[in-house]
Protein backbone atom coordinates (compact mmCIF):
# COMPACT_ATOMS: atom_id res chain seq x y z
CA UNK A 1 -60.04 12.09 8.10
CA UNK A 2 -60.96 13.09 11.70
CA UNK A 3 -58.09 14.32 13.88
CA UNK A 4 -59.33 13.32 17.21
CA UNK A 5 -57.48 11.36 19.78
CA UNK A 6 -56.59 7.89 18.61
CA UNK A 7 -58.48 5.55 20.89
CA UNK A 8 -58.81 1.83 20.38
CA UNK A 9 -61.99 2.40 18.96
CA UNK A 10 -60.70 4.70 16.33
CA UNK A 11 -57.56 2.48 15.35
CA UNK A 12 -59.87 -0.20 14.73
CA UNK A 13 -61.92 1.81 12.33
CA UNK A 14 -58.65 2.94 10.72
CA UNK A 15 -57.36 -0.62 10.26
CA UNK A 16 -60.59 -2.08 9.02
CA UNK A 17 -61.41 0.63 6.20
CA UNK A 18 -59.46 1.65 3.19
CA UNK A 19 -56.76 4.23 4.14
CA UNK A 20 -58.07 7.75 4.87
CA UNK A 21 -61.66 6.75 3.77
CA UNK A 22 -63.43 7.20 7.10
CA UNK A 23 -65.87 9.96 7.44
CA UNK A 24 -67.06 10.66 10.98
CA UNK A 25 -70.67 11.58 11.83
CA UNK A 26 -71.98 12.83 15.15
CA UNK A 27 -68.54 13.46 16.59
CA UNK A 28 -69.80 16.29 18.97
CA UNK A 29 -72.74 14.23 20.29
CA UNK A 30 -72.86 13.77 23.89
CA UNK A 31 -74.93 12.47 26.66
CA UNK A 32 -77.77 14.73 27.75
CA UNK A 33 -78.57 13.33 31.07
CA UNK A 34 -77.72 15.39 34.27
CA UNK A 35 -78.74 12.62 36.97
CA UNK A 36 -76.25 11.00 39.52
CA UNK A 37 -73.77 13.61 38.58
CA UNK A 38 -73.40 12.73 35.08
CA UNK A 39 -73.21 16.49 33.98
CA UNK A 40 -69.61 16.62 35.66
CA UNK A 41 -68.34 13.69 33.61
CA UNK A 42 -67.02 14.20 29.94
CA UNK A 43 -68.70 11.81 27.67
CA UNK A 44 -66.94 12.52 24.28
CA UNK A 45 -68.87 11.21 21.30
CA UNK A 46 -71.11 9.41 23.93
CA UNK A 47 -68.78 6.43 23.83
CA UNK A 48 -69.11 5.55 20.19
CA UNK A 49 -67.43 6.53 17.16
CA UNK A 50 -69.82 6.53 13.87
CA UNK A 51 -69.56 7.13 10.36
CA UNK A 52 -68.96 5.71 6.84
CA UNK A 53 -65.91 4.66 4.86
CA UNK A 54 -64.83 2.25 2.17
CA UNK A 55 -63.58 -1.66 2.15
CA UNK A 56 -62.13 -2.57 -1.20
CA UNK A 57 -63.57 0.78 -2.61
CA UNK A 58 -67.10 -0.41 -1.60
CA UNK A 59 -69.09 1.92 0.92
CA UNK A 60 -69.96 0.62 4.48
CA UNK A 61 -71.14 2.21 7.67
CA UNK A 62 -69.44 1.37 10.79
CA UNK A 63 -69.84 2.13 14.65
CA UNK A 64 -66.87 1.71 17.27
CA UNK A 65 -67.81 1.50 20.88
CA UNK A 66 -65.06 3.37 22.87
CA UNK A 67 -64.39 1.47 26.27
CA UNK A 68 -62.37 4.55 27.39
CA UNK A 69 -65.64 6.60 27.86
CA UNK A 70 -67.85 5.27 30.76
CA UNK A 71 -66.80 1.70 29.62
CA UNK A 72 -68.31 2.12 26.26
CA UNK A 73 -71.94 1.73 28.02
CA UNK A 74 -74.85 2.13 25.85
CA UNK A 75 -77.05 5.09 26.74
CA UNK A 76 -79.77 7.12 25.00
CA UNK A 77 -77.48 9.35 22.54
CA UNK A 78 -75.05 6.62 22.19
CA UNK A 79 -77.81 4.27 20.51
CA UNK A 80 -79.18 7.10 18.64
CA UNK A 81 -75.79 7.57 16.77
CA UNK A 82 -76.14 3.91 15.89
CA UNK A 83 -79.47 3.97 14.77
CA UNK A 84 -78.54 6.82 12.46
CA UNK A 85 -75.80 4.68 11.04
CA UNK A 86 -78.67 2.18 10.24
CA UNK A 87 -81.08 4.41 8.94
CA UNK A 88 -78.65 5.83 6.56
CA UNK A 89 -77.48 2.20 5.56
CA UNK A 90 -80.96 1.28 4.86
CA UNK A 91 -81.67 4.37 2.63
CA UNK A 92 -78.33 3.66 0.67
CA UNK A 93 -78.27 -0.19 0.72
CA UNK A 94 -74.83 -0.47 2.42
CA UNK A 95 -73.55 -2.81 5.06
CA UNK A 96 -73.21 -1.99 8.69
CA UNK A 97 -70.37 -3.15 10.64
CA UNK A 98 -70.34 -2.90 14.55
CA UNK A 99 -67.10 -3.05 16.56
CA UNK A 100 -68.31 -3.90 20.05
CA UNK A 101 -66.50 -3.03 23.55
CA UNK A 102 -69.26 -2.10 25.84
CA UNK A 103 -69.77 -2.79 29.50
CA UNK A 104 -73.61 -2.96 28.90
CA UNK A 105 -76.65 -0.59 29.94
CA UNK A 106 -75.78 2.75 30.98
CA UNK A 107 -77.50 2.43 34.34
CA UNK A 108 -77.50 6.25 35.08
CA UNK A 109 -79.84 6.71 32.28
CA UNK A 110 -82.31 4.10 33.31
CA UNK A 111 -85.14 3.48 31.11
CA UNK A 112 -83.98 5.72 28.51
CA UNK A 113 -80.92 3.39 28.02
CA UNK A 114 -83.22 0.38 28.17
CA UNK A 115 -85.42 1.71 25.64
CA UNK A 116 -82.52 2.48 23.26
CA UNK A 117 -81.57 -1.29 23.41
CA UNK A 118 -85.04 -1.92 22.05
CA UNK A 119 -84.76 0.56 19.34
CA UNK A 120 -81.49 -1.09 18.20
CA UNK A 121 -83.04 -4.57 18.31
CA UNK A 122 -85.85 -3.35 15.88
CA UNK A 123 -83.76 -1.56 13.37
CA UNK A 124 -81.43 -4.61 13.34
CA UNK A 125 -84.64 -6.79 12.58
CA UNK A 126 -85.84 -4.19 9.88
CA UNK A 127 -82.40 -4.45 8.35
CA UNK A 128 -81.92 -8.26 8.36
CA UNK A 129 -82.10 -9.77 4.75
CA UNK A 130 -81.76 -6.14 3.37
CA UNK A 131 -78.15 -5.31 4.14
CA UNK A 132 -75.42 -7.48 5.47
CA UNK A 133 -74.91 -6.95 9.33
CA UNK A 134 -71.30 -7.69 10.85
CA UNK A 135 -70.16 -7.51 14.34
CA UNK A 136 -67.12 -8.01 16.32
CA UNK A 137 -66.42 -8.39 19.86
CA UNK A 138 -63.22 -6.98 21.17
CA UNK A 139 -63.78 -6.57 24.69
CA UNK A 140 -67.04 -6.90 27.16
CA UNK A 141 -70.29 -7.51 25.44
CA UNK A 142 -72.80 -8.45 28.16
CA UNK A 143 -76.36 -8.31 28.95
CA UNK A 144 -78.49 -6.76 26.31
CA UNK A 145 -75.46 -6.09 24.29
CA UNK A 146 -75.10 -9.79 23.76
CA UNK A 147 -78.12 -9.91 21.63
CA UNK A 148 -76.56 -7.78 18.84
CA UNK A 149 -74.16 -10.54 17.59
CA UNK A 150 -77.22 -12.76 17.41
CA UNK A 151 -79.07 -10.37 15.26
CA UNK A 152 -75.95 -10.03 13.02
CA UNK A 153 -75.30 -12.15 10.00
CA UNK A 154 -71.53 -12.74 11.14
CA UNK A 155 -69.77 -12.41 14.35
CA UNK A 156 -66.02 -12.24 14.88
CA UNK A 157 -64.89 -12.27 18.44
CA UNK A 158 -61.29 -11.52 19.71
CA UNK A 159 -59.90 -14.85 21.05
CA UNK A 160 -57.96 -13.27 24.16
CA UNK A 161 -60.22 -10.18 25.32
CA UNK A 162 -63.49 -10.84 23.86
CA UNK A 163 -66.26 -11.62 26.45
CA UNK A 164 -69.83 -12.35 25.22
CA UNK A 165 -72.39 -13.28 27.82
CA UNK A 166 -76.11 -12.81 29.01
CA UNK A 167 -75.04 -13.50 32.58
CA UNK A 168 -71.26 -13.62 33.74
CA UNK A 169 -69.78 -17.03 34.25
CA UNK A 170 -69.71 -16.62 38.06
CA UNK A 171 -73.52 -15.61 38.14
CA UNK A 172 -74.61 -19.05 36.49
CA UNK A 173 -76.06 -21.30 39.16
CA UNK A 174 -73.40 -23.94 39.80
CA UNK A 175 -70.73 -22.52 37.78
CA UNK A 176 -67.45 -20.20 38.24
CA UNK A 177 -65.40 -18.84 35.60
CA UNK A 178 -62.56 -21.42 36.62
CA UNK A 179 -64.91 -24.27 35.94
CA UNK A 180 -66.21 -22.95 32.70
CA UNK A 181 -65.73 -19.58 31.22
CA UNK A 182 -68.88 -19.34 29.33
CA UNK A 183 -67.98 -15.69 28.18
CA UNK A 184 -65.12 -16.79 26.29
CA UNK A 185 -64.43 -16.93 22.51
CA UNK A 186 -63.69 -20.56 22.56
CA UNK A 187 -66.95 -21.32 24.53
CA UNK A 188 -68.95 -19.04 22.21
CA UNK A 189 -67.43 -20.51 18.85
CA UNK A 190 -68.44 -24.09 20.04
CA UNK A 191 -72.15 -22.90 20.72
CA UNK A 192 -72.16 -21.35 17.27
CA UNK A 193 -72.71 -17.67 18.29
CA UNK A 194 -69.06 -16.59 17.15
CA UNK A 195 -68.32 -17.46 13.48
CA UNK A 196 -64.62 -16.59 13.61
CA UNK A 197 -62.10 -16.31 16.47
CA UNK A 198 -58.70 -14.56 16.23
CA UNK A 199 -56.64 -11.71 17.21
CA UNK A 200 -57.59 -8.15 16.73
CA UNK A 201 -55.37 -8.10 13.73
CA UNK A 202 -56.84 -11.30 12.18
CA UNK A 203 -60.32 -10.20 12.58
CA UNK A 204 -60.16 -6.86 10.90
CA UNK A 205 -58.34 -8.52 8.11
CA UNK A 206 -60.99 -11.33 7.81
CA UNK A 207 -63.75 -8.85 7.91
CA UNK A 208 -62.36 -7.15 5.08
CA UNK A 209 -62.04 -10.48 3.22
CA UNK A 210 -65.57 -11.50 4.13
CA UNK A 211 -66.77 -8.36 2.18
CA UNK A 212 -65.59 -9.75 -1.10
CA UNK A 213 -68.19 -12.69 -0.82
CA UNK A 214 -71.20 -10.05 0.21
CA UNK A 215 -73.38 -8.10 -1.97
CA UNK A 216 -73.99 -4.48 -0.65
CA UNK A 217 -77.79 -5.28 -0.33
CA UNK A 218 -80.43 -7.92 -1.30
CA UNK A 219 -80.97 -6.21 -4.63
CA UNK A 220 -77.34 -5.79 -5.35
CA UNK A 221 -76.55 -8.20 -8.50
CA UNK A 222 -72.92 -7.18 -8.76
CA UNK A 223 -71.34 -9.77 -6.62
CA UNK A 224 -69.06 -11.15 -9.11
CA UNK A 225 -65.25 -10.72 -9.44
CA UNK A 226 -63.31 -10.91 -12.55
CA UNK A 227 -63.61 -14.30 -13.97
CA UNK A 228 -60.83 -16.58 -13.06
CA UNK A 229 -58.36 -18.10 -15.55
CA UNK A 230 -58.59 -22.00 -16.23
CA UNK A 231 -62.62 -21.93 -16.03
CA UNK A 232 -62.48 -25.76 -17.34
CA UNK A 233 -59.45 -26.98 -15.36
CA UNK A 234 -59.54 -30.48 -14.08
CA UNK A 235 -58.58 -31.51 -10.58
CA UNK A 236 -57.51 -35.21 -10.74
CA UNK A 237 -57.57 -36.08 -6.72
CA UNK A 238 -60.93 -35.09 -5.63
CA UNK A 239 -62.24 -38.72 -5.00
CA UNK A 240 -59.60 -39.24 -2.21
CA UNK A 241 -60.98 -36.21 -0.30
CA UNK A 242 -64.76 -37.45 -0.46
CA UNK A 243 -65.06 -37.47 3.45
CA UNK A 244 -63.62 -33.77 3.89
CA UNK A 245 -65.43 -31.52 1.44
CA UNK A 246 -63.06 -28.51 2.72
CA UNK A 247 -60.23 -30.33 0.99
CA UNK A 248 -62.34 -30.60 -2.04
CA UNK A 249 -63.01 -26.71 -1.91
CA UNK A 250 -59.54 -26.02 -1.72
CA UNK A 251 -59.11 -27.84 -5.13
CA UNK A 252 -62.01 -26.44 -7.04
CA UNK A 253 -62.26 -22.77 -5.81
CA UNK A 254 -60.77 -19.82 -7.48
CA UNK A 255 -57.00 -19.57 -6.30
CA UNK A 256 -57.88 -22.33 -3.88
CA UNK A 257 -59.37 -19.82 -1.58
CA UNK A 258 -61.98 -20.96 0.92
CA UNK A 259 -63.44 -18.82 3.70
CA UNK A 260 -65.27 -20.93 6.36
CA UNK A 261 -67.90 -20.02 8.51
CA UNK A 262 -68.49 -21.30 12.11
CA UNK A 263 -65.58 -23.81 11.71
CA UNK A 264 -65.57 -24.67 15.51
CA UNK A 265 -69.34 -25.39 15.64
CA UNK A 266 -70.83 -28.62 14.28
CA UNK A 267 -67.61 -29.51 12.33
CA UNK A 268 -69.37 -32.42 10.60
CA UNK A 269 -70.97 -29.92 8.49
CA UNK A 270 -68.98 -27.48 6.33
CA UNK A 271 -70.48 -23.94 5.65
CA UNK A 272 -68.10 -21.86 3.55
CA UNK A 273 -67.74 -19.17 0.86
CA UNK A 274 -65.49 -19.67 -2.25
CA UNK A 275 -65.31 -18.02 -5.64
CA UNK A 276 -66.09 -20.07 -8.69
CA UNK A 277 -65.38 -18.50 -11.95
CA UNK A 278 -65.45 -14.97 -10.32
CA UNK A 279 -68.87 -15.73 -8.79
CA UNK A 280 -69.29 -15.56 -4.98
CA UNK A 281 -71.21 -18.76 -3.79
CA UNK A 282 -72.08 -20.24 -0.40
CA UNK A 283 -71.32 -23.99 -0.03
CA UNK A 284 -72.93 -26.55 2.53
CA UNK A 285 -71.14 -29.74 2.70
CA UNK A 286 -71.69 -33.03 4.80
CA UNK A 287 -68.27 -33.80 6.47
CA UNK A 288 -67.33 -37.47 7.45
CA UNK A 289 -63.87 -36.55 8.37
CA UNK A 290 -61.24 -33.99 8.91
CA UNK A 291 -58.09 -34.28 6.93
CA UNK A 292 -54.56 -32.84 7.35
CA UNK A 293 -52.70 -31.21 4.45
CA UNK A 294 -50.76 -34.51 4.05
CA UNK A 295 -54.07 -36.79 3.96
CA UNK A 296 -54.00 -37.88 7.51
CA UNK A 297 -57.33 -38.22 9.36
CA UNK A 298 -57.43 -35.93 12.30
CA UNK A 299 -60.98 -36.47 13.52
CA UNK A 300 -63.83 -38.68 12.11
CA UNK A 301 -67.77 -37.99 12.47
CA UNK A 302 -69.18 -40.40 10.10
CA UNK A 303 -71.61 -39.73 7.15
CA UNK A 304 -74.71 -38.64 9.48
CA UNK A 305 -76.87 -35.62 9.77
CA UNK A 306 -76.63 -34.17 13.36
CA UNK A 307 -79.06 -31.83 14.81
CA UNK A 308 -76.13 -29.34 15.28
CA UNK A 309 -75.14 -29.60 11.77
CA UNK A 310 -78.60 -29.03 10.61
CA UNK A 311 -78.92 -26.00 12.68
CA UNK A 312 -75.51 -24.68 11.28
CA UNK A 313 -76.58 -25.20 7.62
CA UNK A 314 -80.17 -23.66 8.15
CA UNK A 315 -78.85 -20.42 9.29
CA UNK A 316 -76.26 -20.33 6.53
CA UNK A 317 -78.81 -21.30 3.70
CA UNK A 318 -81.18 -18.46 5.05
CA UNK A 319 -78.56 -16.08 4.87
CA UNK A 320 -77.41 -16.85 1.20
CA UNK A 321 -80.91 -16.94 0.21
CA UNK A 322 -81.74 -13.44 1.55
CA UNK A 323 -78.93 -11.89 -0.39
CA UNK A 324 -79.35 -14.06 -3.51
CA UNK A 325 -75.95 -15.68 -2.94
CA UNK A 326 -75.93 -18.99 -4.92
CA UNK A 327 -75.82 -22.17 -2.91
CA UNK A 328 -73.92 -25.31 -3.89
CA UNK A 329 -74.45 -28.57 -1.74
CA UNK A 330 -71.69 -31.35 -1.53
CA UNK A 331 -73.68 -34.30 -0.24
CA UNK A 332 -72.19 -37.27 1.48
CA UNK A 333 -74.74 -38.56 4.10
CA UNK A 334 -76.41 -41.99 4.73
CA UNK A 335 -78.40 -41.72 7.94
CA UNK A 336 -79.66 -39.46 10.80
CA UNK A 337 -77.33 -39.21 14.01
CA UNK A 338 -78.77 -41.59 16.71
CA UNK A 339 -77.51 -39.95 19.99
CA UNK A 340 -79.94 -38.89 22.72
CA UNK A 341 -79.10 -35.42 21.87
CA UNK A 342 -79.81 -35.63 18.44
CA UNK A 343 -82.98 -37.56 19.21
CA UNK A 344 -84.26 -34.69 21.10
CA UNK A 345 -83.56 -31.93 18.60
CA UNK A 346 -83.03 -33.51 15.20
CA UNK A 347 -86.66 -33.80 13.88
CA UNK A 348 -87.30 -30.11 14.40
CA UNK A 349 -83.82 -28.91 13.22
CA UNK A 350 -83.80 -31.37 10.33
CA UNK A 351 -87.24 -29.98 9.33
CA UNK A 352 -86.09 -26.53 9.57
CA UNK A 353 -83.15 -27.28 7.27
CA UNK A 354 -85.56 -28.88 4.67
CA UNK A 355 -87.80 -25.92 4.79
CA UNK A 356 -84.74 -23.63 4.23
CA UNK A 357 -83.62 -25.34 1.10
CA UNK A 358 -87.38 -25.63 -0.26
CA UNK A 359 -87.98 -21.95 0.67
CA UNK A 360 -84.88 -20.54 -1.00
CA UNK A 361 -85.20 -19.06 -4.40
CA UNK A 362 -81.50 -18.36 -5.22
CA UNK A 363 -79.56 -20.64 -7.45
CA UNK A 364 -79.10 -24.13 -6.20
CA UNK A 365 -76.77 -26.78 -7.32
CA UNK A 366 -76.09 -30.03 -5.62
CA UNK A 367 -73.20 -32.43 -6.23
CA UNK A 368 -73.47 -36.10 -4.94
CA UNK A 369 -70.03 -37.15 -3.90
CA UNK A 370 -70.37 -40.05 -1.66
CA UNK A 371 -73.54 -41.44 -0.19
CA UNK A 372 -76.91 -39.97 -0.76
CA UNK A 373 -79.27 -42.25 1.08
CA UNK A 374 -82.71 -41.72 2.75
CA UNK A 375 -84.02 -38.66 4.48
CA UNK A 376 -80.98 -36.90 5.10
CA UNK A 377 -80.18 -36.92 1.26
CA UNK A 378 -83.59 -35.43 0.63
CA UNK A 379 -83.14 -32.86 3.09
CA UNK A 380 -79.76 -31.67 1.56
CA UNK A 381 -81.07 -29.68 -1.48
CA UNK A 382 -82.43 -32.51 -3.39
CA UNK A 383 -84.51 -32.46 -6.60
CA UNK A 384 -87.63 -32.85 -4.55
CA UNK A 385 -86.79 -29.48 -2.59
CA UNK A 386 -86.17 -27.62 -5.72
CA UNK A 387 -82.50 -27.83 -6.90
CA UNK A 388 -81.99 -26.43 -10.08
CA UNK A 389 -79.09 -28.90 -11.11
CA UNK A 390 -78.02 -31.96 -9.28
CA UNK A 391 -74.75 -33.75 -10.41
CA UNK A 392 -73.38 -37.00 -9.19
CA UNK A 393 -69.93 -38.61 -9.02
CA UNK A 394 -70.39 -41.77 -10.96
CA UNK A 395 -69.34 -43.95 -8.09
CA UNK A 396 -71.80 -42.35 -5.65
CA UNK A 397 -74.40 -44.35 -3.75
CA UNK A 398 -77.73 -42.78 -4.29
CA UNK A 399 -80.97 -44.50 -3.28
CA UNK A 400 -83.51 -45.00 -0.31
CA UNK A 401 -81.07 -47.07 1.55
CA UNK A 402 -77.87 -48.94 1.14
CA UNK A 403 -78.48 -52.34 -0.84
CA UNK A 404 -77.28 -54.52 1.96
CA UNK A 405 -79.85 -52.82 4.40
CA UNK A 406 -82.79 -53.05 1.92
CA UNK A 407 -81.94 -56.53 1.35
CA UNK A 408 -82.97 -57.26 5.01
CA UNK A 409 -86.20 -55.53 4.51
CA UNK A 410 -87.07 -57.07 1.19
CA UNK A 411 -86.17 -60.62 1.67
CA UNK A 412 -88.08 -62.83 4.30
CA UNK A 413 -85.11 -65.29 4.42
CA UNK A 414 -81.99 -64.56 6.65
CA UNK A 415 -79.81 -66.86 4.39
CA UNK A 416 -76.64 -64.78 3.63
CA UNK A 417 -76.58 -66.28 0.02
CA UNK A 418 -80.17 -65.04 -0.53
CA UNK A 419 -79.55 -61.87 1.25
CA UNK A 420 -76.56 -61.17 -0.94
CA UNK A 421 -78.42 -62.04 -4.08
CA UNK A 422 -81.23 -59.67 -3.23
CA UNK A 423 -78.74 -56.81 -2.39
CA UNK A 424 -77.06 -57.22 -5.79
CA UNK A 425 -80.37 -57.06 -7.53
CA UNK A 426 -81.51 -54.01 -5.36
CA UNK A 427 -78.09 -52.36 -6.25
CA UNK A 428 -78.53 -52.83 -9.88
CA UNK A 429 -82.44 -51.60 -10.02
CA UNK A 430 -82.54 -49.09 -7.03
CA UNK A 431 -79.21 -48.12 -5.70
CA UNK A 432 -76.60 -45.99 -7.39
CA UNK A 433 -76.25 -42.84 -9.43
CA UNK A 434 -77.03 -44.32 -12.75
CA UNK A 435 -80.36 -45.50 -11.28
CA UNK A 436 -81.09 -42.03 -10.05
CA UNK A 437 -80.30 -40.28 -13.16
CA UNK A 438 -82.25 -42.82 -15.21
CA UNK A 439 -85.35 -41.43 -13.37
CA UNK A 440 -84.44 -37.88 -13.53
CA UNK A 441 -83.27 -37.11 -9.87
CA UNK A 442 -79.70 -36.77 -11.21
CA UNK A 443 -79.09 -34.60 -14.31
CA UNK A 444 -75.42 -35.59 -15.24
CA UNK A 445 -73.20 -38.22 -14.00
CA UNK A 446 -69.69 -36.64 -13.98
CA UNK A 447 -66.17 -37.54 -13.11
CA UNK A 448 -65.05 -35.91 -9.98
CA UNK A 449 -62.17 -33.98 -11.89
CA UNK A 450 -64.95 -32.37 -13.74
CA UNK A 451 -66.64 -30.90 -10.79
CA UNK A 452 -65.24 -27.16 -11.09
CA UNK A 453 -65.97 -27.02 -14.83
CA UNK A 454 -69.87 -28.15 -14.49
CA UNK A 455 -70.38 -25.89 -11.44
CA UNK A 456 -69.16 -22.87 -13.12
CA UNK A 457 -71.14 -23.76 -16.22
CA UNK A 458 -74.26 -23.91 -14.09
CA UNK A 459 -73.77 -20.87 -12.31
CA UNK A 460 -73.43 -18.95 -15.59
CA UNK A 461 -76.82 -20.60 -16.69
CA UNK A 462 -78.44 -19.53 -13.43
CA UNK A 463 -76.90 -16.02 -13.21
CA UNK A 464 -80.49 -14.62 -14.19
CA UNK A 465 -82.68 -16.90 -12.37
CA UNK A 466 -86.01 -15.83 -11.27
CA UNK A 467 -88.47 -17.91 -9.24
CA UNK A 468 -92.06 -16.77 -8.03
CA UNK A 469 -93.74 -18.35 -5.01
CA UNK A 470 -97.28 -18.35 -3.56
CA UNK A 471 -97.98 -14.99 -2.05
CA UNK A 472 -97.73 -15.26 1.71
CA UNK A 473 -96.55 -13.14 4.57
CA UNK A 474 -93.81 -15.69 5.63
CA UNK A 475 -93.75 -19.40 6.59
CA UNK A 476 -94.36 -20.32 10.24
CA UNK A 477 -91.77 -22.86 10.48
């Protein structure tokens, strides 16, 4: 354990890693520039602490920017230390965690500092999908530094002290920080860049928890805990929570633990990690309402697919697939959102979500819990897009559209009795889980109480899944 002065940067590393596991690398590195009287300034460790250690006995690489040294600004040698961590992590196949607290570009070093930004962007691009990358913003993270959280798989942000921005709030035309603090954690969580917001202590604890759901790299097949007890347990009250899949996840997951991602952004779409029978899985679920623990409705969204929800789900699906984390989809959607904002963006973003599910080769399981109608249903990990197993709760509505709407299209008469008769016929022939199962679009009709049992069985069967795709460089969507 390094005996250097305990700055906030070092204290964060100590709190993040297992006790006494940190080994520092590059402690004696310092700035080499002499311009603008830099040779007269002390720059210990060039403003960033780098090294490796353990989280739950698993190796990780970590860098922590020291704002007490030139504001934690990024210079040439500062960047070289971070690049060294990434180079080692890519060789050994271990995650990289960045603890950010930086005033930005070290202007005294000019183009050397700017070039260093580009080198970090490049190596983070190379590492994307190969090793997990996690950042946490504890202080300032402005200008070019604000891109690092965008490159990362997950970003945490201090709710009180964190500042993340390209341009400071007062530099935005027509804005002031009093009007809208565009650098705040609340703002960034609502735009989707910050996955988690909390205190410093909460962030460091949650980062440790997140590691339980992630493999060390894209070839690591050991992402399974000890199997949980009661693998075939029955949950009898799931039907009443159909509008809020978060509540369903609390009841089917091992130990009732759910790790939600980007909860403040597009709350109509839940993205979360859970364990099922010891397996770490990612969940994407349509959310029509938020319920309190007592069953009270706190917020309603409707059974629609929004542009923000599609974007949120796409990034999560791509991340899970990159690391072969199985994806479970809880489907409850009947239409596309119809606001002006959605109309502008939804065609592209819904297309990207469909592409993400179709492109994913990890294990894919879908459960139809409420409505499964029209194009949104097809987008949400349907049989057509390559889902491996599809289960449906027996009372779920599944089809091209609801029967009453189909009747208006099929019947030339507007007589209510005729429309009702047509709707009843359509419901019998083409609308419902039984009809979908008869045509092979659903594998098994299940009671809601059996959801956990069937999901765990499917995960066991798909554990060794391998799928080859046409040879290509990458998709262009």
